[in-house]
């Protein structure tokens, strides 16, 4: 959980410095900046609107690097070097 907490703290910091974006908006924007096409789930209008808040802005290079630095898996690989699949 320490590693997760570090990533969430960085997502919050970046969100605060980008107009109060939520951690999920920052995470989605981060994925987009890395060339992925995320398909977030939404069960209601509020969730869909929150997901849409990931669009219309771009995470800057310094924040992209900061997130990459804290998002280490098993002490070796960053998120960009591993594919995730639900289920």
PDB file of N, CA and C in Angstrom:
ATOM      1  N   UNK A   1       0.811  -1.198   0.000  1.00  0.00           N
ATOM      2  CA  UNK A   1       0.000   0.000   0.000  1.00  0.00           C
ATOM      3  C   UNK A   1       0.856   1.266   0.000  1.00  0.00           C
ATOM      4  N   UNK A   2       2.087   1.173   0.488  1.00  0.00           N
ATOM      5  CA  UNK A   2       2.958   2.356   0.480  1.00  0.00           C
ATOM      6  C   UNK A   2       3.160   2.884  -0.931  1.00  0.00           C
ATOM      7  N   UNK A   3       3.377   1.972  -1.875  1.00  0.00           N
ATOM      8  CA  UNK A   3       3.611   2.391  -3.258  1.00  0.00           C
ATOM      9  C   UNK A   3       2.350   3.002  -3.854  1.00  0.00           C
ATOM     10  N   UNK A   4       1.206   2.421  -3.538  1.00  0.00           N
ATOM     11  CA  UNK A   4      -0.068   2.973  -4.024  1.00  0.00           C
ATOM     12  C   UNK A   4      -0.281   4.359  -3.430  1.00  0.00           C
ATOM     13  N   UNK A   5      -0.028   4.496  -2.137  1.00  0.00           N
ATOM     14  CA  UNK A   5      -0.186   5.795  -1.480  1.00  0.00           C
ATOM     15  C   UNK A   5       0.705   6.859  -2.115  1.00  0.00           C
ATOM     16  N   UNK A   6       1.926   6.476  -2.487  1.00  0.00           N
ATOM     17  CA  UNK A   6       2.844   7.433  -3.122  1.00  0.00           C
ATOM     18  C   UNK A   6       2.314   7.874  -4.484  1.00  0.00           C
ATOM     19  N   UNK A   7       1.762   6.949  -5.247  1.00  0.00           N
ATOM     20  CA  UNK A   7       1.214   7.298  -6.558  1.00  0.00           C
ATOM     21  C   UNK A   7       0.005   8.205  -6.393  1.00  0.00           C
ATOM     22  N   UNK A   8      -0.894   7.860  -5.470  1.00  0.00           N
ATOM     23  CA  UNK A   8      -2.097   8.678  -5.251  1.00  0.00           C
ATOM     24  C   UNK A   8      -1.717  10.068  -4.761  1.00  0.00           C
ATOM     25  N   UNK A   9      -0.730  10.163  -3.898  1.00  0.00           N
ATOM     26  CA  UNK A   9      -0.275  11.475  -3.416  1.00  0.00           C
ATOM     27  C   UNK A   9       0.236  12.322  -4.587  1.00  0.00           C
ATOM     28  N   UNK A  10       0.959  11.703  -5.495  1.00  0.00           N
ATOM     29  CA  UNK A  10       1.473  12.437  -6.660  1.00  0.00           C
ATOM     30  C   UNK A  10       0.324  12.841  -7.589  1.00  0.00           C
ATOM     31  N   UNK A  11      -0.651  11.949  -7.779  1.00  0.00           N
ATOM     32  CA  UNK A  11      -1.828  12.281  -8.586  1.00  0.00           C
ATOM     33  C   UNK A  11      -2.567  13.474  -7.985  1.00  0.00           C
ATOM     34  N   UNK A  12      -2.707  13.487  -6.661  1.00  0.00           N
ATOM     35  CA  UNK A  12      -3.383  14.610  -5.988  1.00  0.00           C
ATOM     36  C   UNK A  12      -2.599  15.913  -6.155  1.00  0.00           C
ATOM     37  N   UNK A  13      -1.283  15.834  -5.981  1.00  0.00           N
ATOM     38  CA  UNK A  13      -0.448  17.036  -6.110  1.00  0.00           C
ATOM     39  C   UNK A  13      -0.580  17.625  -7.513  1.00  0.00           C
ATOM     40  N   UNK A  14      -0.503  16.770  -8.504  1.00  0.00           N
ATOM     41  CA  UNK A  14      -0.611  17.232  -9.888  1.00  0.00           C
ATOM     42  C   UNK A  14      -2.005  17.771 -10.156  1.00  0.00           C
ATOM     43  N   UNK A  15      -3.019  17.099  -9.643  1.00  0.00           N
ATOM     44  CA  UNK A  15      -4.390  17.571  -9.820  1.00  0.00           C
ATOM     45  C   UNK A  15      -4.601  18.941  -9.213  1.00  0.00           C
ATOM     46  N   UNK A  16      -4.060  19.142  -8.019  1.00  0.00           N
ATOM     47  CA  UNK A  16      -4.191  20.445  -7.348  1.00  0.00           C
ATOM     48  C   UNK A  16      -3.527  21.556  -8.163  1.00  0.00           C
ATOM     49  N   UNK A  17      -2.409  21.239  -8.809  1.00  0.00           N
ATOM     50  CA  UNK A  17      -1.694  22.261  -9.580  1.00  0.00           C
ATOM     51  C   UNK A  17      -2.260  22.432 -10.997  1.00  0.00           C
ATOM     52  N   UNK A  18      -3.277  21.662 -11.322  1.00  0.00           N
ATOM     53  CA  UNK A  18      -3.915  21.759 -12.639  1.00  0.00           C
ATOM     54  C   UNK A  18      -5.404  22.033 -12.500  1.00  0.00           C
ATOM     55  N   UNK A  19      -5.729  22.990 -11.673  1.00  0.00           N
ATOM     56  CA  UNK A  19      -7.113  23.429 -11.563  1.00  0.00           C
ATOM     57  C   UNK A  19      -8.015  22.547 -10.724  1.00  0.00           C
ATOM     58  N   UNK A  20      -7.444  21.784  -9.825  1.00  0.00           N
ATOM     59  CA  UNK A  20      -8.263  20.956  -8.946  1.00  0.00           C
ATOM     60  C   UNK A  20      -8.760  19.673  -9.602  1.00  0.00           C
ATOM     61  N   UNK A  21      -7.984  19.130 -10.520  1.00  0.00           N
ATOM     62  CA  UNK A  21      -8.348  17.852 -11.145  1.00  0.00           C
ATOM     63  C   UNK A  21      -8.306  16.740 -10.115  1.00  0.00           C
ATOM     64  N   UNK A  22      -9.163  15.749 -10.303  1.00  0.00           N
ATOM     65  CA  UNK A  22      -9.186  14.614  -9.385  1.00  0.00           C
ATOM     66  C   UNK A  22      -8.054  13.648  -9.730  1.00  0.00           C
ATOM     67  N   UNK A  23      -7.684  12.790  -8.783  1.00  0.00           N
ATOM     68  CA  UNK A  23      -6.658  11.797  -9.092  1.00  0.00           C
ATOM     69  C   UNK A  23      -7.016  10.932 -10.307  1.00  0.00           C
ATOM     70  N   UNK A  24      -8.282  10.582 -10.450  1.00  0.00           N
ATOM     71  CA  UNK A  24      -8.657   9.760 -11.606  1.00  0.00           C
ATOM     72  C   UNK A  24      -8.518  10.538 -12.912  1.00  0.00           C
ATOM     73  N   UNK A  25      -8.818  11.827 -12.904  1.00  0.00           N
ATOM     74  CA  UNK A  25      -8.637  12.644 -14.109  1.00  0.00           C
ATOM     75  C   UNK A  25      -7.167  12.741 -14.481  1.00  0.00           C
ATOM     76  N   UNK A  26      -6.327  12.914 -13.480  1.00  0.00           N
ATOM     77  CA  UNK A  26      -4.889  12.987 -13.735  1.00  0.00           C
ATOM     78  C   UNK A  26      -4.392  11.644 -14.260  1.00  0.00           C
ATOM     79  N   UNK A  27      -4.850  10.544 -13.665  1.00  0.00           N
ATOM     80  CA  UNK A  27      -4.416   9.217 -14.105  1.00  0.00           C
ATOM     81  C   UNK A  27      -4.827   8.964 -15.552  1.00  0.00           C
ATOM     82  N   UNK A  28      -6.045   9.323 -15.907  1.00  0.00           N
ATOM     83  CA  UNK A  28      -6.494   9.135 -17.288  1.00  0.00           C
ATOM     84  C   UNK A  28      -5.674   9.996 -18.251  1.00  0.00           C
ATOM     85  N   UNK A  29      -5.407  11.247 -17.854  1.00  0.00           N
ATOM     86  CA  UNK A  29      -4.616  12.140 -18.699  1.00  0.00           C
ATOM     87  C   UNK A  29      -3.194  11.616 -18.848  1.00  0.00           C
ATOM     88  N   UNK A  30      -2.661  11.051 -17.791  1.00  0.00           N
ATOM     89  CA  UNK A  30      -1.321  10.461 -17.803  1.00  0.00           C
ATOM     90  C   UNK A  30      -1.258   9.332 -18.831  1.00  0.00           C
ATOM     91  N   UNK A  31      -2.260   8.471 -18.812  1.00  0.00           N
ATOM     92  CA  UNK A  31      -2.307   7.377 -19.779  1.00  0.00           C
ATOM     93  C   UNK A  31      -2.386   7.899 -21.212  1.00  0.00           C
ATOM     94  N   UNK A  32      -3.215   8.914 -21.423  1.00  0.00           N
ATOM     95  CA  UNK A  32      -3.351   9.512 -22.751  1.00  0.00           C
ATOM     96  C   UNK A  32      -2.015  10.100 -23.202  1.00  0.00           C
ATOM     97  N   UNK A  33      -1.321  10.794 -22.282  1.00  0.00           N
ATOM     98  CA  UNK A  33      -0.030  11.403 -22.603  1.00  0.00           C
ATOM     99  C   UNK A  33       1.010  10.347 -22.981  1.00  0.00           C
ATOM    100  N   UNK A  34       0.838   9.138 -22.485  1.00  0.00           N
ATOM    101  CA  UNK A  34       1.769   8.054 -22.773  1.00  0.00           C
ATOM    102  C   UNK A  34       1.373   7.286 -24.031  1.00  0.00           C
ATOM    103  N   UNK A  35       0.309   7.739 -24.712  1.00  0.00           N
ATOM    104  CA  UNK A  35      -0.080   7.131 -25.968  1.00  0.00           C
ATOM    105  C   UNK A  35      -1.139   6.056 -25.872  1.00  0.00           C
ATOM    106  N   UNK A  36      -1.667   5.823 -24.677  1.00  0.00           N
ATOM    107  CA  UNK A  36      -2.719   4.821 -24.500  1.00  0.00           C
ATOM    108  C   UNK A  36      -4.085   5.438 -24.784  1.00  0.00           C
ATOM    109  N   UNK A  37      -5.041   4.594 -25.042  1.00  0.00           N
ATOM    110  CA  UNK A  37      -6.423   5.030 -25.207  1.00  0.00           C
ATOM    111  C   UNK A  37      -7.228   4.345 -24.088  1.00  0.00           C
ATOM    112  N   UNK A  38      -7.322   5.004 -22.931  1.00  0.00           N
ATOM    113  CA  UNK A  38      -8.036   4.380 -21.816  1.00  0.00           C
ATOM    114  C   UNK A  38      -9.533   4.326 -22.090  1.00  0.00           C
ATOM    115  N   UNK A  39     -10.166   3.305 -21.584  1.00  0.00           N
ATOM    116  CA  UNK A  39     -11.613   3.160 -21.701  1.00  0.00           C
ATOM    117  C   UNK A  39     -12.159   3.069 -20.270  1.00  0.00           C
ATOM    118  N   UNK A  40     -12.387   4.232 -19.653  1.00  0.00           N
ATOM    119  CA  UNK A  40     -12.843   4.217 -18.261  1.00  0.00           C
ATOM    120  C   UNK A  40     -14.316   3.830 -18.166  1.00  0.00           C
ATOM    121  N   UNK A  41     -14.656   3.177 -17.104  1.00  0.00           N
ATOM    122  CA  UNK A  41     -16.051   2.826 -16.873  1.00  0.00           C
ATOM    123  C   UNK A  41     -16.792   3.979 -16.224  1.00  0.00           C
ATOM    124  N   UNK A  42     -18.081   4.000 -16.440  1.00  0.00           N
ATOM    125  CA  UNK A  42     -18.942   5.005 -15.805  1.00  0.00           C
ATOM    126  C   UNK A  42     -20.325   4.388 -15.642  1.00  0.00           C
ATOM    127  N   UNK A  43     -20.813   4.392 -14.409  1.00  0.00           N
ATOM    128  CA  UNK A  43     -22.132   3.827 -14.138  1.00  0.00           C
ATOM    129  C   UNK A  43     -23.222   4.879 -14.107  1.00  0.00           C
ATOM    130  N   UNK A  44     -22.806   6.140 -14.100  1.00  0.00           N
ATOM    131  CA  UNK A  44     -23.801   7.209 -14.066  1.00  0.00           C
ATOM    132  C   UNK A  44     -23.218   8.473 -14.691  1.00  0.00           C
ATOM    133  N   UNK A  45     -24.065   9.466 -14.808  1.00  0.00           N
ATOM    134  CA  UNK A  45     -23.659  10.726 -15.461  1.00  0.00           C
ATOM    135  C   UNK A  45     -22.500  11.407 -14.738  1.00  0.00           C
ATOM    136  N   UNK A  46     -22.544  11.419 -13.414  1.00  0.00           N
ATOM    137  CA  UNK A  46     -21.487  12.069 -12.642  1.00  0.00           C
ATOM    138  C   UNK A  46     -20.129  11.438 -12.943  1.00  0.00           C
ATOM    139  N   UNK A  47     -20.078  10.131 -13.006  1.00  0.00           N
ATOM    140  CA  UNK A  47     -18.816   9.452 -13.302  1.00  0.00           C
ATOM    141  C   UNK A  47     -18.355   9.743 -14.729  1.00  0.00           C
ATOM    142  N   UNK A  48     -19.290   9.779 -15.664  1.00  0.00           N
ATOM    143  CA  UNK A  48     -18.937  10.100 -17.051  1.00  0.00           C
ATOM    144  C   UNK A  48     -18.383  11.520 -17.150  1.00  0.00           C
ATOM    145  N   UNK A  49     -19.009  12.456 -16.440  1.00  0.00           N
ATOM    146  CA  UNK A  49     -18.529  13.836 -16.439  1.00  0.00           C
ATOM    147  C   UNK A  49     -17.155  13.944 -15.796  1.00  0.00           C
ATOM    148  N   UNK A  50     -16.934  13.183 -14.729  1.00  0.00           N
ATOM    149  CA  UNK A  50     -15.614  13.210 -14.097  1.00  0.00           C
ATOM    150  C   UNK A  50     -14.561  12.659 -15.055  1.00  0.00           C
ATOM    151  N   UNK A  51     -14.870  11.575 -15.734  1.00  0.00           N
ATOM    152  CA  UNK A  51     -13.926  11.024 -16.714  1.00  0.00           C
ATOM    153  C   UNK A  51     -13.611  12.049 -17.799  1.00  0.00           C
ATOM    154  N   UNK A  52     -14.607  12.787 -18.234  1.00  0.00           N
ATOM    155  CA  UNK A  52     -14.414  13.792 -19.283  1.00  0.00           C
ATOM    156  C   UNK A  52     -13.463  14.896 -18.828  1.00  0.00           C
ATOM    157  N   UNK A  53     -13.325  15.095 -17.527  1.00  0.00           N
ATOM    158  CA  UNK A  53     -12.401  16.091 -16.994  1.00  0.00           C
ATOM    159  C   UNK A  53     -10.936  15.756 -17.251  1.00  0.00           C
ATOM    160  N   UNK A  54     -10.680  14.554 -17.751  1.00  0.00           N
ATOM    161  CA  UNK A  54      -9.317  14.172 -18.116  1.00  0.00           C
ATOM    162  C   UNK A  54      -8.931  14.755 -19.473  1.00  0.00           C
ATOM    163  N   UNK A  55      -9.914  15.293 -20.184  1.00  0.00           N
ATOM    164  CA  UNK A  55      -9.684  15.822 -21.533  1.00  0.00           C
ATOM    165  C   UNK A  55      -9.570  17.338 -21.504  1.00  0.00           C
ATOM    166  N   UNK A  56      -8.996  17.898 -22.545  1.00  0.00           N
ATOM    167  CA  UNK A  56      -8.919  19.349 -22.682  1.00  0.00           C
ATOM    168  C   UNK A  56      -7.720  19.991 -22.003  1.00  0.00           C
ATOM    169  N   UNK A  57      -6.827  19.200 -21.501  1.00  0.00           N
ATOM    170  CA  UNK A  57      -5.596  19.697 -20.892  1.00  0.00           C
ATOM    171  C   UNK A  57      -4.541  18.605 -21.054  1.00  0.00           C
ATOM    172  N   UNK A  58      -3.282  18.956 -20.812  1.00  0.00           N
ATOM    173  CA  UNK A  58      -2.212  17.973 -20.941  1.00  0.00           C
ATOM    174  C   UNK A  58      -1.278  18.073 -19.761  1.00  0.00           C
ATOM    175  N   UNK A  59      -0.990  16.943 -19.184  1.00  0.00           N
ATOM    176  CA  UNK A  59      -0.026  16.875 -18.093  1.00  0.00           C
ATOM    177  C   UNK A  59       1.341  17.317 -18.649  1.00  0.00           C
ATOM    178  N   UNK A  60       2.058  18.140 -17.887  1.00  0.00           N
ATOM    179  CA  UNK A  60       3.341  18.615 -18.417  1.00  0.00           C
ATOM    180  C   UNK A  60       4.438  17.563 -18.232  1.00  0.00           C
ATOM    181  N   UNK A  61       5.537  17.771 -18.915  1.00  0.00           N
ATOM    182  CA  UNK A  61       6.606  16.779 -18.932  1.00  0.00           C
ATOM    183  C   UNK A  61       7.193  16.511 -17.551  1.00  0.00           C
ATOM    184  N   UNK A  62       7.319  17.547 -16.715  1.00  0.00           N
ATOM    185  CA  UNK A  62       7.862  17.357 -15.372  1.00  0.00           C
ATOM    186  C   UNK A  62       6.942  16.468 -14.534  1.00  0.00           C
ATOM    187  N   UNK A  63       5.638  16.712 -14.635  1.00  0.00           N
ATOM    188  CA  UNK A  63       4.688  15.899 -13.870  1.00  0.00           C
ATOM    189  C   UNK A  63       4.604  14.477 -14.427  1.00  0.00           C
ATOM    190  N   UNK A  64       4.730  14.343 -15.725  1.00  0.00           N
ATOM    191  CA  UNK A  64       4.755  13.020 -16.350  1.00  0.00           C
ATOM    192  C   UNK A  64       5.937  12.220 -15.816  1.00  0.00           C
ATOM    193  N   UNK A  65       7.085  12.868 -15.744  1.00  0.00           N
ATOM    194  CA  UNK A  65       8.290  12.219 -15.219  1.00  0.00           C
ATOM    195  C   UNK A  65       8.131  11.878 -13.741  1.00  0.00           C
ATOM    196  N   UNK A  66       7.518  12.774 -12.977  1.00  0.00           N
ATOM    197  CA  UNK A  66       7.310  12.533 -11.550  1.00  0.00           C
ATOM    198  C   UNK A  66       6.398  11.331 -11.324  1.00  0.00           C
ATOM    199  N   UNK A  67       5.335  11.222 -12.106  1.00  0.00           N
ATOM    200  CA  UNK A  67       4.442  10.077 -11.975  1.00  0.00           C
ATOM    201  C   UNK A  67       5.135   8.786 -12.380  1.00  0.00           C
ATOM    202  N   UNK A  68       5.881   8.835 -13.457  1.00  0.00           N
ATOM    203  CA  UNK A  68       6.625   7.649 -13.879  1.00  0.00           C
ATOM    204  C   UNK A  68       7.581   7.185 -12.779  1.00  0.00           C
ATOM    205  N   UNK A  69       8.183   8.134 -12.077  1.00  0.00           N
ATOM    206  CA  UNK A  69       9.159   7.801 -11.035  1.00  0.00           C
ATOM    207  C   UNK A  69       8.517   7.103  -9.845  1.00  0.00           C
ATOM    208  N   UNK A  70       7.293   7.474  -9.482  1.00  0.00           N
ATOM    209  CA  UNK A  70       6.658   6.847  -8.321  1.00  0.00           C
ATOM    210  C   UNK A  70       5.874   5.593  -8.685  1.00  0.00           C
ATOM    211  N   UNK A  71       5.607   5.387  -9.954  1.00  0.00           N
ATOM    212  CA  UNK A  71       4.798   4.250 -10.385  1.00  0.00           C
ATOM    213  C   UNK A  71       5.676   3.067 -10.753  1.00  0.00           C
ATOM    214  N   UNK A  72       6.421   2.578  -9.808  1.00  0.00           N
ATOM    215  CA  UNK A  72       7.323   1.459 -10.042  1.00  0.00           C
ATOM    216  C   UNK A  72       6.651   0.186  -9.533  1.00  0.00           C
ATOM    217  N   UNK A  73       6.715  -0.849 -10.348  1.00  0.00           N
ATOM    218  CA  UNK A  73       6.146  -2.144  -9.975  1.00  0.00           C
ATOM    219  C   UNK A  73       7.264  -3.088  -9.552  1.00  0.00           C
ATOM    220  N   UNK A  74       7.116  -3.693  -8.415  1.00  0.00           N
ATOM    221  CA  UNK A  74       8.081  -4.675  -7.933  1.00  0.00           C
ATOM    222  C   UNK A  74       9.494  -4.110  -7.872  1.00  0.00           C
ATOM    223  N   UNK A  75       9.599  -2.781  -7.718  1.00  0.00           N
ATOM    224  CA  UNK A  75      10.900  -2.161  -7.584  1.00  0.00           C
ATOM    225  C   UNK A  75      11.734  -2.128  -8.854  1.00  0.00           C
ATOM    226  N   UNK A  76      11.163  -2.526  -9.997  1.00  0.00           N
ATOM    227  CA  UNK A  76      11.961  -2.628 -11.218  1.00  0.00           C
ATOM    228  C   UNK A  76      11.380  -1.861 -12.389  1.00  0.00           C
ATOM    229  N   UNK A  77      10.111  -2.089 -12.694  1.00  0.00           N
ATOM    230  CA  UNK A  77       9.564  -1.608 -13.957  1.00  0.00           C
ATOM    231  C   UNK A  77       8.530  -0.518 -13.740  1.00  0.00           C
ATOM    232  N   UNK A  78       8.476   0.422 -14.651  1.00  0.00           N
ATOM    233  CA  UNK A  78       7.461   1.462 -14.590  1.00  0.00           C
ATOM    234  C   UNK A  78       6.205   0.969 -15.280  1.00  0.00           C
ATOM    235  N   UNK A  79       5.117   1.702 -15.092  1.00  0.00           N
ATOM    236  CA  UNK A  79       3.854   1.324 -15.709  1.00  0.00           C
ATOM    237  C   UNK A  79       3.951   1.259 -17.227  1.00  0.00           C
ATOM    238  N   UNK A  80       4.815   2.080 -17.814  1.00  0.00           N
ATOM    239  CA  UNK A  80       4.894   2.091 -19.266  1.00  0.00           C
ATOM    240  C   UNK A  80       5.484   0.793 -19.801  1.00  0.00           C
ATOM    241  N   UNK A  81       6.136   0.001 -18.971  1.00  0.00           N
ATOM    242  CA  UNK A  81       6.762  -1.213 -19.472  1.00  0.00           C
ATOM    243  C   UNK A  81       5.943  -2.455 -19.181  1.00  0.00           C
ATOM    244  N   UNK A  82       4.726  -2.289 -18.733  1.00  0.00           N
ATOM    245  CA  UNK A  82       3.898  -3.438 -18.418  1.00  0.00           C
ATOM    246  C   UNK A  82       2.477  -3.192 -18.900  1.00  0.00           C
ATOM    247  N   UNK A  83       1.867  -4.211 -19.449  1.00  0.00           N
ATOM    248  CA  UNK A  83       0.482  -4.112 -19.872  1.00  0.00           C
ATOM    249  C   UNK A  83      -0.410  -4.607 -18.751  1.00  0.00           C
ATOM    250  N   UNK A  84      -1.511  -3.910 -18.548  1.00  0.00           N
ATOM    251  CA  UNK A  84      -2.473  -4.274 -17.515  1.00  0.00           C
ATOM    252  C   UNK A  84      -3.738  -4.759 -18.184  1.00  0.00           C
ATOM    253  N   UNK A  85      -4.328  -5.774 -17.634  1.00  0.00           N
ATOM    254  CA  UNK A  85      -5.579  -6.279 -18.154  1.00  0.00           C
ATOM    255  C   UNK A  85      -6.495  -6.564 -16.979  1.00  0.00           C
ATOM    256  N   UNK A  86      -7.720  -6.138 -17.096  1.00  0.00           N
ATOM    257  CA  UNK A  86      -8.709  -6.369 -16.037  1.00  0.00           C
ATOM    258  C   UNK A  86      -9.164  -7.813 -16.083  1.00  0.00           C
ATOM    259  N   UNK A  87      -9.320  -8.429 -14.910  1.00  0.00           N
ATOM    260  CA  UNK A  87      -9.939  -9.753 -14.852  1.00  0.00           C
ATOM    261  C   UNK A  87      -9.002 -10.895 -14.853  1.00  0.00           C
TER     262      UNK A  87
END
